[in-house]
């Protein structure tokens, strides 16, 4: 009976370790697709550190606790994994302390809804990040192949530029105007990628 329990435990430990590794790999893919030009559906689904990295940490902690029957090693493993878990939770709580009021607007391209200009405005009331922040994005395509391009990231710090306007100025042209610069982007007709006019 003990031999069957030992084998079942080894299988469970391996499954937990594989699940933890898979969660880390999925999160890594979500991070990669969050770049400008990445697949937006994949980024929206997988770029979630709390559930994926938290789940990975929980699976690896459980695998470590179940994996080694020796008492001294188990005690050391528990100490390390509990400490890592506490540090992770503190990091997650600290990251969410900075809250912002967020508004989003969407404007479809004059040529059709295949391209959309997205403006995200965040207003931070307090803390070291107090102020306003704007992101101007272009979403192209639909479904799993849809891409999200970053056109402008404005207002990161005090004294930085402020967004004046961002809009379609032609069938496949976007103009972003701040209080310190003006940028014009033309959409590549084949890929939908925005290319800054020079």
N, C-alpha and C. Protein backbone atom coordinates (compact mmCIF):
# COMPACT_ATOMS: atom_id res chain seq x y z
N UNK A 1 0.82 -1.20 0.00
CA UNK A 1 0.00 0.00 0.00
C UNK A 1 0.86 1.26 0.00
N UNK A 2 1.95 1.23 0.76
CA UNK A 2 2.82 2.40 0.84
C UNK A 2 3.49 2.69 -0.50
N UNK A 3 3.81 1.62 -1.26
CA UNK A 3 4.46 1.79 -2.56
C UNK A 3 3.53 2.51 -3.53
N UNK A 4 2.25 2.20 -3.54
CA UNK A 4 1.27 2.86 -4.41
C UNK A 4 1.10 4.32 -4.04
N UNK A 5 1.10 4.62 -2.74
CA UNK A 5 0.99 6.01 -2.27
C UNK A 5 2.22 6.80 -2.69
N UNK A 6 3.41 6.19 -2.58
CA UNK A 6 4.65 6.85 -2.96
C UNK A 6 4.66 7.17 -4.45
N UNK A 7 4.20 6.23 -5.27
CA UNK A 7 4.17 6.46 -6.72
C UNK A 7 3.16 7.56 -7.06
N UNK A 8 2.00 7.53 -6.44
CA UNK A 8 0.99 8.56 -6.68
C UNK A 8 1.52 9.94 -6.27
N UNK A 9 2.28 9.99 -5.18
CA UNK A 9 2.86 11.25 -4.73
C UNK A 9 3.86 11.78 -5.75
N UNK A 10 4.71 10.90 -6.29
CA UNK A 10 5.70 11.32 -7.30
C UNK A 10 5.00 11.87 -8.54
N UNK A 11 3.93 11.19 -8.96
CA UNK A 11 3.18 11.65 -10.14
C UNK A 11 2.57 13.02 -9.86
N UNK A 12 1.99 13.20 -8.68
CA UNK A 12 1.39 14.48 -8.31
C UNK A 12 2.44 15.59 -8.27
N UNK A 13 3.62 15.29 -7.71
CA UNK A 13 4.70 16.28 -7.65
C UNK A 13 5.11 16.70 -9.05
N UNK A 14 5.24 15.72 -9.96
CA UNK A 14 5.61 16.04 -11.34
C UNK A 14 4.54 16.88 -12.03
N UNK A 15 3.27 16.53 -11.82
CA UNK A 15 2.18 17.30 -12.41
C UNK A 15 2.17 18.74 -11.89
N UNK A 16 2.39 18.90 -10.59
CA UNK A 16 2.44 20.24 -10.02
C UNK A 16 3.62 21.05 -10.57
N UNK A 17 4.77 20.42 -10.70
CA UNK A 17 5.94 21.11 -11.24
C UNK A 17 5.72 21.51 -12.70
N UNK A 18 5.13 20.62 -13.50
CA UNK A 18 4.84 20.93 -14.90
C UNK A 18 3.81 22.05 -14.99
N UNK A 19 2.78 22.01 -14.13
CA UNK A 19 1.77 23.07 -14.13
C UNK A 19 2.40 24.42 -13.78
N UNK A 20 3.30 24.43 -12.79
CA UNK A 20 3.98 25.67 -12.43
C UNK A 20 4.82 26.21 -13.57
N UNK A 21 5.57 25.33 -14.23
CA UNK A 21 6.39 25.74 -15.36
C UNK A 21 5.52 26.23 -16.52
N UNK A 22 4.42 25.54 -16.78
CA UNK A 22 3.51 25.94 -17.86
C UNK A 22 2.93 27.33 -17.61
N UNK A 23 2.57 27.62 -16.35
CA UNK A 23 2.03 28.95 -16.03
C UNK A 23 3.06 30.04 -16.27
N UNK A 24 4.32 29.78 -15.93
CA UNK A 24 5.38 30.75 -16.17
C UNK A 24 5.58 30.96 -17.67
N UNK A 25 5.56 29.88 -18.44
CA UNK A 25 5.72 30.00 -19.90
C UNK A 25 4.55 30.75 -20.54
N UNK A 26 3.33 30.50 -20.07
CA UNK A 26 2.17 31.21 -20.60
C UNK A 26 2.27 32.70 -20.30
N UNK A 27 2.67 33.05 -19.08
CA UNK A 27 2.83 34.46 -18.72
C UNK A 27 3.92 35.11 -19.58
N UNK A 28 5.02 34.38 -19.83
CA UNK A 28 6.10 34.90 -20.67
C UNK A 28 5.60 35.19 -22.07
N UNK A 29 4.78 34.30 -22.62
CA UNK A 29 4.19 34.54 -23.94
C UNK A 29 3.29 35.77 -23.91
N UNK A 30 2.50 35.94 -22.85
CA UNK A 30 1.65 37.12 -22.73
C UNK A 30 2.46 38.40 -22.66
N UNK A 31 3.58 38.36 -21.94
CA UNK A 31 4.46 39.53 -21.87
C UNK A 31 5.02 39.85 -23.25
N UNK A 32 5.46 38.83 -23.98
CA UNK A 32 6.02 39.03 -25.31
C UNK A 32 5.00 39.65 -26.25
N UNK A 33 3.78 39.17 -26.22
CA UNK A 33 2.74 39.68 -27.11
C UNK A 33 2.22 41.05 -26.68
N UNK A 34 2.61 41.53 -25.51
CA UNK A 34 2.20 42.87 -25.05
C UNK A 34 3.02 43.97 -25.70
N UNK A 35 4.05 43.60 -26.44
CA UNK A 35 4.88 44.61 -27.10
C UNK A 35 4.07 45.26 -28.22
N UNK A 36 4.58 46.38 -28.72
CA UNK A 36 3.93 47.05 -29.84
C UNK A 36 3.96 46.13 -31.04
N UNK A 37 2.80 45.88 -31.62
CA UNK A 37 2.69 44.98 -32.76
C UNK A 37 2.36 43.55 -32.38
N UNK A 38 2.22 43.29 -31.08
CA UNK A 38 1.91 41.94 -30.62
C UNK A 38 0.44 41.59 -30.81
N UNK A 39 0.16 40.31 -30.72
CA UNK A 39 -1.23 39.85 -30.85
C UNK A 39 -2.00 40.23 -29.59
N UNK A 40 -2.99 41.09 -29.75
CA UNK A 40 -3.65 41.68 -28.59
C UNK A 40 -4.51 40.68 -27.81
N UNK A 41 -5.13 39.73 -28.45
CA UNK A 41 -5.96 38.76 -27.73
C UNK A 41 -5.10 37.89 -26.81
N UNK A 42 -3.95 37.46 -27.32
CA UNK A 42 -3.02 36.65 -26.51
C UNK A 42 -2.50 37.49 -25.34
N UNK A 43 -2.14 38.75 -25.61
CA UNK A 43 -1.64 39.62 -24.55
C UNK A 43 -2.70 39.84 -23.48
N UNK A 44 -3.95 40.10 -23.90
CA UNK A 44 -5.02 40.34 -22.93
C UNK A 44 -5.31 39.11 -22.08
N UNK A 45 -5.19 37.92 -22.67
CA UNK A 45 -5.47 36.68 -21.93
C UNK A 45 -4.33 36.25 -21.02
N UNK A 46 -3.09 36.42 -21.47
CA UNK A 46 -1.96 35.82 -20.76
C UNK A 46 -1.06 36.79 -20.01
N UNK A 47 -1.17 38.07 -20.25
CA UNK A 47 -0.32 39.02 -19.53
C UNK A 47 -0.99 39.38 -18.20
N UNK A 48 -1.11 38.40 -17.35
CA UNK A 48 -1.75 38.55 -16.04
C UNK A 48 -0.84 37.92 -14.99
N UNK A 49 0.03 38.74 -14.40
CA UNK A 49 1.01 38.18 -13.47
C UNK A 49 0.41 37.58 -12.20
N UNK A 50 -0.64 38.19 -11.67
CA UNK A 50 -1.17 37.69 -10.40
C UNK A 50 -1.68 36.26 -10.50
N UNK A 51 -2.62 35.94 -11.42
CA UNK A 51 -3.09 34.56 -11.44
C UNK A 51 -2.06 33.56 -11.98
N UNK A 52 -1.31 33.95 -13.01
CA UNK A 52 -0.39 32.98 -13.60
C UNK A 52 0.85 32.78 -12.74
N UNK A 53 1.51 33.85 -12.32
CA UNK A 53 2.70 33.68 -11.49
C UNK A 53 2.34 33.24 -10.08
N UNK A 54 1.19 33.70 -9.58
CA UNK A 54 0.73 33.22 -8.28
C UNK A 54 0.40 31.74 -8.31
N UNK A 55 -0.25 31.31 -9.39
CA UNK A 55 -0.56 29.88 -9.55
C UNK A 55 0.71 29.05 -9.70
N UNK A 56 1.68 29.59 -10.45
CA UNK A 56 2.96 28.88 -10.60
C UNK A 56 3.66 28.74 -9.26
N UNK A 57 3.67 29.82 -8.49
CA UNK A 57 4.30 29.78 -7.18
C UNK A 57 3.60 28.77 -6.27
N UNK A 58 2.27 28.77 -6.28
CA UNK A 58 1.52 27.83 -5.45
C UNK A 58 1.80 26.38 -5.87
N UNK A 59 1.83 26.13 -7.18
CA UNK A 59 2.09 24.77 -7.67
C UNK A 59 3.50 24.32 -7.30
N UNK A 60 4.48 25.20 -7.43
CA UNK A 60 5.86 24.83 -7.10
C UNK A 60 6.05 24.65 -5.60
N UNK A 61 5.37 25.46 -4.80
CA UNK A 61 5.42 25.28 -3.34
C UNK A 61 4.83 23.93 -2.97
N UNK A 62 3.66 23.61 -3.54
CA UNK A 62 3.03 22.33 -3.24
C UNK A 62 3.91 21.17 -3.69
N UNK A 63 4.54 21.30 -4.86
CA UNK A 63 5.44 20.24 -5.35
C UNK A 63 6.63 20.07 -4.41
N UNK A 64 7.18 21.19 -3.94
CA UNK A 64 8.33 21.10 -3.03
C UNK A 64 7.93 20.46 -1.70
N UNK A 65 6.77 20.80 -1.19
CA UNK A 65 6.32 20.25 0.09
C UNK A 65 6.04 18.76 0.00
N UNK A 66 5.45 18.35 -1.11
CA UNK A 66 5.11 16.94 -1.27
C UNK A 66 6.28 16.09 -1.77
N UNK A 67 7.27 16.73 -2.35
CA UNK A 67 8.31 16.02 -3.05
C UNK A 67 9.39 15.39 -2.21
N UNK A 68 9.75 15.98 -1.11
CA UNK A 68 10.90 15.46 -0.35
C UNK A 68 10.44 14.98 1.02
N UNK A 69 10.55 13.70 1.27
CA UNK A 69 10.09 13.17 2.55
C UNK A 69 11.07 13.42 3.70
N UNK A 70 12.28 13.85 3.43
CA UNK A 70 13.24 14.06 4.52
C UNK A 70 12.88 15.32 5.29
N UNK A 71 12.84 15.24 6.58
CA UNK A 71 12.36 16.31 7.44
C UNK A 71 13.22 17.58 7.36
N UNK A 72 14.51 17.48 7.40
CA UNK A 72 15.37 18.67 7.40
C UNK A 72 15.24 19.43 6.08
N UNK A 73 15.27 18.70 4.98
CA UNK A 73 15.15 19.35 3.68
C UNK A 73 13.76 19.94 3.51
N UNK A 74 12.75 19.22 3.99
CA UNK A 74 11.38 19.72 3.89
C UNK A 74 11.23 21.01 4.69
N UNK A 75 11.80 21.08 5.88
CA UNK A 75 11.71 22.29 6.69
C UNK A 75 12.38 23.47 5.99
N UNK A 76 13.56 23.24 5.43
CA UNK A 76 14.26 24.31 4.71
C UNK A 76 13.47 24.74 3.48
N UNK A 77 12.91 23.77 2.76
CA UNK A 77 12.12 24.07 1.56
C UNK A 77 10.89 24.87 1.93
N UNK A 78 10.22 24.48 2.99
CA UNK A 78 9.04 25.21 3.43
C UNK A 78 9.38 26.65 3.80
N UNK A 79 10.49 26.83 4.49
CA UNK A 79 10.89 28.18 4.90
C UNK A 79 11.14 29.05 3.67
N UNK A 80 11.86 28.53 2.71
CA UNK A 80 12.17 29.29 1.50
C UNK A 80 10.91 29.58 0.70
N UNK A 81 10.06 28.57 0.52
CA UNK A 81 8.87 28.77 -0.31
C UNK A 81 7.85 29.69 0.36
N UNK A 82 7.70 29.60 1.65
CA UNK A 82 6.78 30.51 2.34
C UNK A 82 7.30 31.94 2.26
N UNK A 83 8.61 32.11 2.42
CA UNK A 83 9.21 33.45 2.30
C UNK A 83 8.98 34.00 0.90
N UNK A 84 9.19 33.17 -0.13
CA UNK A 84 8.96 33.60 -1.51
C UNK A 84 7.50 33.97 -1.72
N UNK A 85 6.60 33.21 -1.15
CA UNK A 85 5.17 33.51 -1.27
C UNK A 85 4.80 34.83 -0.62
N UNK A 86 5.35 35.09 0.55
CA UNK A 86 5.08 36.35 1.25
C UNK A 86 5.64 37.53 0.45
N UNK A 87 6.85 37.39 -0.07
CA UNK A 87 7.45 38.46 -0.88
C UNK A 87 6.60 38.71 -2.12
N UNK A 88 6.12 37.65 -2.77
CA UNK A 88 5.27 37.79 -3.95
C UNK A 88 3.98 38.55 -3.60
N UNK A 89 3.33 38.16 -2.51
CA UNK A 89 2.09 38.83 -2.10
C UNK A 89 2.31 40.30 -1.77
N UNK A 90 3.41 40.60 -1.09
CA UNK A 90 3.72 42.00 -0.77
C UNK A 90 3.92 42.79 -2.07
N UNK A 91 4.63 42.18 -3.04
CA UNK A 91 4.84 42.84 -4.33
C UNK A 91 3.54 43.11 -5.06
N UNK A 92 2.63 42.13 -5.05
CA UNK A 92 1.33 42.29 -5.72
C UNK A 92 0.53 43.40 -5.04
N UNK A 93 0.51 43.41 -3.72
CA UNK A 93 -0.24 44.44 -3.00
C UNK A 93 0.36 45.82 -3.24
N UNK A 94 1.68 45.93 -3.27
CA UNK A 94 2.33 47.22 -3.51
C UNK A 94 2.04 47.71 -4.93
N UNK A 95 2.02 46.80 -5.88
CA UNK A 95 1.76 47.20 -7.27
C UNK A 95 0.34 47.72 -7.44
N UNK A 96 -0.60 47.20 -6.67
CA UNK A 96 -1.99 47.63 -6.81
C UNK A 96 -2.36 48.80 -5.91
N UNK A 97 -1.42 49.27 -5.08
CA UNK A 97 -1.71 50.43 -4.24
C UNK A 97 -1.86 51.69 -5.08
N UNK A 98 -1.11 51.77 -6.18
CA UNK A 98 -1.20 52.92 -7.06
C UNK A 98 -2.43 52.73 -7.94
N UNK A 99 -3.46 53.49 -7.66
CA UNK A 99 -4.67 53.35 -8.45
C UNK A 99 -4.87 54.59 -9.31
N UNK A 100 -5.50 54.37 -10.42
CA UNK A 100 -5.71 55.47 -11.35
C UNK A 100 -7.13 55.40 -11.90
N UNK A 101 -7.69 56.59 -12.12
CA UNK A 101 -8.96 56.66 -12.82
C UNK A 101 -8.64 56.52 -14.30
N UNK A 102 -9.29 55.58 -14.98
CA UNK A 102 -8.96 55.30 -16.38
C UNK A 102 -10.17 55.50 -17.26
N UNK A 103 -9.95 56.18 -18.38
CA UNK A 103 -10.98 56.31 -19.41
C UNK A 103 -10.39 55.86 -20.73
N UNK A 104 -11.23 55.22 -21.54
CA UNK A 104 -10.81 54.74 -22.87
C UNK A 104 -11.78 55.29 -23.91
N UNK A 105 -11.22 55.66 -25.05
CA UNK A 105 -12.07 56.04 -26.17
C UNK A 105 -11.61 55.28 -27.40
N UNK A 106 -12.54 55.03 -28.29
CA UNK A 106 -12.25 54.24 -29.50
C UNK A 106 -12.84 54.97 -30.70
N UNK A 107 -12.03 55.09 -31.74
CA UNK A 107 -12.49 55.72 -32.97
C UNK A 107 -12.11 54.80 -34.14
N UNK A 108 -13.12 54.29 -34.83
CA UNK A 108 -12.86 53.42 -35.98
C UNK A 108 -12.30 54.25 -37.13
N UNK A 109 -11.50 53.60 -37.96
CA UNK A 109 -10.90 54.27 -39.12
C UNK A 109 -11.99 54.66 -40.11
N UNK A 110 -11.78 55.76 -40.84
CA UNK A 110 -12.76 56.14 -41.87
C UNK A 110 -12.93 55.05 -42.93
N UNK A 111 -11.89 54.25 -43.15
CA UNK A 111 -11.95 53.19 -44.16
C UNK A 111 -12.70 51.95 -43.68
N UNK A 112 -13.03 51.88 -42.39
CA UNK A 112 -13.75 50.73 -41.87
C UNK A 112 -13.28 50.34 -40.49
N UNK A 113 -13.99 49.42 -39.86
CA UNK A 113 -13.74 49.04 -38.47
C UNK A 113 -12.57 48.07 -38.32
N UNK A 114 -11.86 47.74 -39.41
CA UNK A 114 -10.72 46.83 -39.29
C UNK A 114 -9.58 47.46 -38.50
N UNK A 115 -9.52 48.80 -38.50
CA UNK A 115 -8.52 49.54 -37.73
C UNK A 115 -9.26 50.48 -36.78
N UNK A 116 -8.74 50.56 -35.55
CA UNK A 116 -9.36 51.46 -34.57
C UNK A 116 -8.27 52.18 -33.79
N UNK A 117 -8.49 53.47 -33.56
CA UNK A 117 -7.59 54.29 -32.76
C UNK A 117 -8.12 54.25 -31.33
N UNK A 118 -7.27 53.85 -30.38
CA UNK A 118 -7.66 53.73 -28.98
C UNK A 118 -6.86 54.74 -28.18
N UNK A 119 -7.53 55.52 -27.36
CA UNK A 119 -6.85 56.45 -26.46
C UNK A 119 -7.17 56.07 -25.02
N UNK A 120 -6.13 55.84 -24.23
CA UNK A 120 -6.29 55.47 -22.83
C UNK A 120 -5.73 56.63 -22.00
N UNK A 121 -6.56 57.16 -21.11
CA UNK A 121 -6.15 58.26 -20.24
C UNK A 121 -6.23 57.78 -18.79
N UNK A 122 -5.11 57.89 -18.09
CA UNK A 122 -5.07 57.54 -16.67
C UNK A 122 -4.70 58.77 -15.87
N UNK A 123 -5.43 58.98 -14.79
CA UNK A 123 -5.17 60.11 -13.90
C UNK A 123 -4.84 59.57 -12.52
N UNK A 124 -3.61 59.83 -12.06
CA UNK A 124 -3.15 59.35 -10.76
C UNK A 124 -3.28 60.49 -9.76
N UNK A 125 -4.02 60.25 -8.69
CA UNK A 125 -4.31 61.30 -7.73
C UNK A 125 -3.16 61.56 -6.76
N UNK A 126 -2.47 60.52 -6.34
CA UNK A 126 -1.45 60.71 -5.30
C UNK A 126 -0.27 59.78 -5.54
N UNK A 127 0.76 59.97 -4.72
CA UNK A 127 1.92 59.11 -4.80
C UNK A 127 2.98 59.67 -5.72
N UNK A 128 4.02 58.88 -5.93
CA UNK A 128 5.14 59.33 -6.76
C UNK A 128 4.74 59.43 -8.23
N UNK A 129 3.66 58.75 -8.62
CA UNK A 129 3.22 58.77 -10.02
C UNK A 129 2.07 59.74 -10.25
N UNK A 130 1.86 60.70 -9.33
CA UNK A 130 0.75 61.64 -9.46
C UNK A 130 0.85 62.40 -10.77
N UNK A 131 -0.28 62.55 -11.42
CA UNK A 131 -0.32 63.26 -12.70
C UNK A 131 -1.17 62.51 -13.70
N UNK A 132 -0.96 62.82 -14.97
CA UNK A 132 -1.76 62.21 -16.02
C UNK A 132 -0.86 61.46 -17.00
N UNK A 133 -1.43 60.42 -17.57
CA UNK A 133 -0.70 59.57 -18.52
C UNK A 133 -1.66 59.19 -19.63
N UNK A 134 -1.17 59.28 -20.88
CA UNK A 134 -1.96 58.91 -22.04
C UNK A 134 -1.23 57.86 -22.85
N UNK A 135 -1.98 56.93 -23.40
CA UNK A 135 -1.47 55.98 -24.37
C UNK A 135 -2.34 56.09 -25.61
N UNK A 136 -1.69 56.17 -26.77
CA UNK A 136 -2.40 56.19 -28.04
C UNK A 136 -2.02 54.88 -28.74
N UNK A 137 -3.04 54.07 -29.04
CA UNK A 137 -2.83 52.74 -29.59
C UNK A 137 -3.60 52.58 -30.89
N UNK A 138 -3.13 51.70 -31.74
CA UNK A 138 -3.84 51.32 -32.94
C UNK A 138 -4.10 49.83 -32.88
N UNK A 139 -5.36 49.43 -33.04
CA UNK A 139 -5.72 48.02 -33.10
C UNK A 139 -6.09 47.69 -34.54
N UNK A 140 -5.44 46.66 -35.08
CA UNK A 140 -5.65 46.26 -36.48
C UNK A 140 -6.03 44.79 -36.54
N UNK A 141 -7.05 44.50 -37.35
CA UNK A 141 -7.44 43.11 -37.56
C UNK A 141 -8.52 42.66 -36.59
N UNK A 142 -8.77 41.34 -36.61
CA UNK A 142 -9.80 40.77 -35.75
C UNK A 142 -9.38 39.36 -35.34
N UNK A 143 -9.94 38.91 -34.24
CA UNK A 143 -9.68 37.54 -33.77
C UNK A 143 -8.26 37.34 -33.29
N UNK A 144 -7.77 36.10 -33.45
CA UNK A 144 -6.44 35.73 -32.94
C UNK A 144 -5.31 36.46 -33.64
N UNK A 145 -5.53 36.94 -34.85
CA UNK A 145 -4.45 37.61 -35.58
C UNK A 145 -4.44 39.13 -35.37
N UNK A 146 -5.38 39.67 -34.60
CA UNK A 146 -5.45 41.12 -34.37
C UNK A 146 -4.19 41.59 -33.64
N UNK A 147 -3.71 42.75 -34.04
CA UNK A 147 -2.49 43.31 -33.48
C UNK A 147 -2.78 44.64 -32.81
N UNK A 148 -1.96 44.96 -31.80
CA UNK A 148 -2.07 46.26 -31.11
C UNK A 148 -0.72 46.95 -31.23
N UNK A 149 -0.75 48.17 -31.76
CA UNK A 149 0.47 48.96 -31.96
C UNK A 149 0.45 50.16 -31.02
N UNK A 150 1.57 50.47 -30.42
CA UNK A 150 1.70 51.65 -29.57
C UNK A 150 2.20 52.81 -30.42
N UNK A 151 1.41 53.89 -30.48
CA UNK A 151 1.79 55.07 -31.26
C UNK A 151 2.45 56.12 -30.38
N UNK A 152 1.96 56.28 -29.17
CA UNK A 152 2.53 57.31 -28.27
C UNK A 152 2.25 56.93 -26.82
N UNK A 153 3.21 57.25 -25.99
CA UNK A 153 3.12 57.05 -24.54
C UNK A 153 3.50 58.39 -23.93
N UNK A 154 2.52 59.11 -23.42
CA UNK A 154 2.69 60.53 -23.09
C UNK A 154 2.41 60.79 -21.62
N UNK A 155 3.26 61.63 -21.01
CA UNK A 155 3.00 62.10 -19.66
C UNK A 155 3.44 61.18 -18.56
N UNK A 156 4.59 60.58 -18.65
CA UNK A 156 5.08 59.66 -17.62
C UNK A 156 5.51 60.38 -16.34
N UNK A 157 6.02 61.58 -16.45
CA UNK A 157 6.52 62.28 -15.26
C UNK A 157 6.07 63.72 -15.23
N UNK A 158 6.38 64.40 -14.13
CA UNK A 158 6.00 65.81 -14.03
C UNK A 158 6.75 66.63 -15.08
N UNK A 159 6.05 67.54 -15.71
CA UNK A 159 6.66 68.37 -16.73
C UNK A 159 6.72 67.73 -18.10
N UNK A 160 6.24 66.48 -18.22
CA UNK A 160 6.22 65.82 -19.52
C UNK A 160 5.12 66.41 -20.40
N UNK A 161 5.15 66.05 -21.65
CA UNK A 161 4.16 66.54 -22.61
C UNK A 161 2.75 66.10 -22.22
N UNK A 162 1.77 66.85 -22.72
CA UNK A 162 0.36 66.51 -22.52
C UNK A 162 -0.27 66.29 -23.89
N UNK A 163 -1.17 65.33 -23.96
CA UNK A 163 -1.85 65.04 -25.22
C UNK A 163 -2.85 66.15 -25.52
N UNK A 164 -2.79 66.66 -26.74
CA UNK A 164 -3.77 67.64 -27.19
C UNK A 164 -4.86 66.92 -27.97
N UNK A 165 -4.44 66.13 -28.97
CA UNK A 165 -5.41 65.37 -29.75
C UNK A 165 -4.73 64.20 -30.46
N UNK A 166 -5.50 63.20 -30.73
CA UNK A 166 -5.07 62.07 -31.55
C UNK A 166 -6.29 61.65 -32.35
N UNK A 167 -6.17 61.68 -33.68
CA UNK A 167 -7.33 61.32 -34.50
C UNK A 167 -6.91 60.89 -35.90
N UNK A 168 -7.91 60.36 -36.60
CA UNK A 168 -7.70 59.98 -37.99
C UNK A 168 -7.71 61.25 -38.82
N UNK A 169 -6.68 61.45 -39.63
CA UNK A 169 -6.60 62.64 -40.49
C UNK A 169 -6.65 62.24 -41.96
N UNK A 170 -6.97 61.01 -42.21
CA UNK A 170 -7.12 60.48 -43.57
C UNK A 170 -7.64 59.06 -43.46
N UNK A 171 -7.87 58.43 -44.60
CA UNK A 171 -8.40 57.06 -44.59
C UNK A 171 -7.46 56.08 -43.90
N UNK A 172 -6.16 56.31 -44.01
CA UNK A 172 -5.19 55.44 -43.35
C UNK A 172 -4.05 56.25 -42.74
N UNK A 173 -4.42 57.37 -42.13
CA UNK A 173 -3.43 58.25 -41.51
C UNK A 173 -3.93 58.72 -40.14
N UNK A 174 -3.00 58.68 -39.18
CA UNK A 174 -3.31 59.10 -37.81
C UNK A 174 -2.34 60.22 -37.44
N UNK A 175 -2.86 61.26 -36.79
CA UNK A 175 -2.01 62.35 -36.31
C UNK A 175 -2.15 62.45 -34.80
N UNK A 176 -1.01 62.46 -34.11
CA UNK A 176 -0.96 62.61 -32.66
C UNK A 176 -0.30 63.96 -32.37
N UNK A 177 -1.01 64.81 -31.63
CA UNK A 177 -0.49 66.14 -31.31
C UNK A 177 -0.43 66.30 -29.80
N UNK A 178 0.75 66.69 -29.30
CA UNK A 178 0.91 67.01 -27.88
C UNK A 178 1.25 68.50 -27.79
N UNK A 179 1.46 68.98 -26.58
CA UNK A 179 1.84 70.38 -26.43
C UNK A 179 3.30 70.63 -26.80
N UNK A 180 4.04 69.55 -27.18
CA UNK A 180 5.44 69.76 -27.56
C UNK A 180 5.83 69.11 -28.90
N UNK A 181 4.97 68.29 -29.50
CA UNK A 181 5.32 67.70 -30.80
C UNK A 181 4.07 67.25 -31.54
N UNK A 182 4.28 66.97 -32.84
CA UNK A 182 3.23 66.45 -33.71
C UNK A 182 3.82 65.28 -34.48
N UNK A 183 3.13 64.12 -34.45
CA UNK A 183 3.59 62.93 -35.16
C UNK A 183 2.48 62.43 -36.07
N UNK A 184 2.87 62.05 -37.28
CA UNK A 184 1.91 61.54 -38.26
C UNK A 184 2.30 60.10 -38.60
N UNK A 185 1.31 59.21 -38.60
CA UNK A 185 1.53 57.80 -38.90
C UNK A 185 0.66 57.42 -40.09
N UNK A 186 1.26 56.70 -41.04
CA UNK A 186 0.54 56.14 -42.18
C UNK A 186 0.48 54.63 -41.98
N UNK A 187 -0.67 54.04 -42.28
CA UNK A 187 -0.82 52.60 -42.11
C UNK A 187 -0.35 51.87 -43.36
N UNK A 188 0.48 50.86 -43.15
CA UNK A 188 0.92 49.99 -44.24
C UNK A 188 -0.31 49.22 -44.72
N UNK A 189 -0.55 49.26 -46.02
CA UNK A 189 -1.77 48.66 -46.56
C UNK A 189 -1.79 47.15 -46.46
N UNK A 190 -0.63 46.51 -46.42
CA UNK A 190 -0.58 45.05 -46.33
C UNK A 190 -0.66 44.54 -44.89
N UNK A 191 0.15 45.09 -44.00
CA UNK A 191 0.24 44.57 -42.64
C UNK A 191 -0.63 45.33 -41.64
N UNK A 192 -1.00 46.58 -41.96
CA UNK A 192 -1.75 47.39 -41.01
C UNK A 192 -0.84 48.08 -40.00
N UNK A 193 0.46 47.87 -40.13
CA UNK A 193 1.42 48.47 -39.19
C UNK A 193 1.53 49.97 -39.42
N UNK A 194 1.48 50.75 -38.32
CA UNK A 194 1.66 52.20 -38.48
C UNK A 194 3.12 52.54 -38.69
N UNK A 195 3.38 53.38 -39.70
CA UNK A 195 4.75 53.81 -40.00
C UNK A 195 4.78 55.32 -39.88
N UNK A 196 5.68 55.83 -39.05
CA UNK A 196 5.75 57.27 -38.82
C UNK A 196 6.27 57.97 -40.06
N UNK A 197 5.54 59.01 -40.48
CA UNK A 197 5.96 59.79 -41.64
C UNK A 197 7.17 60.64 -41.29
N UNK A 198 8.09 60.72 -42.20
CA UNK A 198 9.32 61.52 -41.95
C UNK A 198 9.33 62.74 -42.80
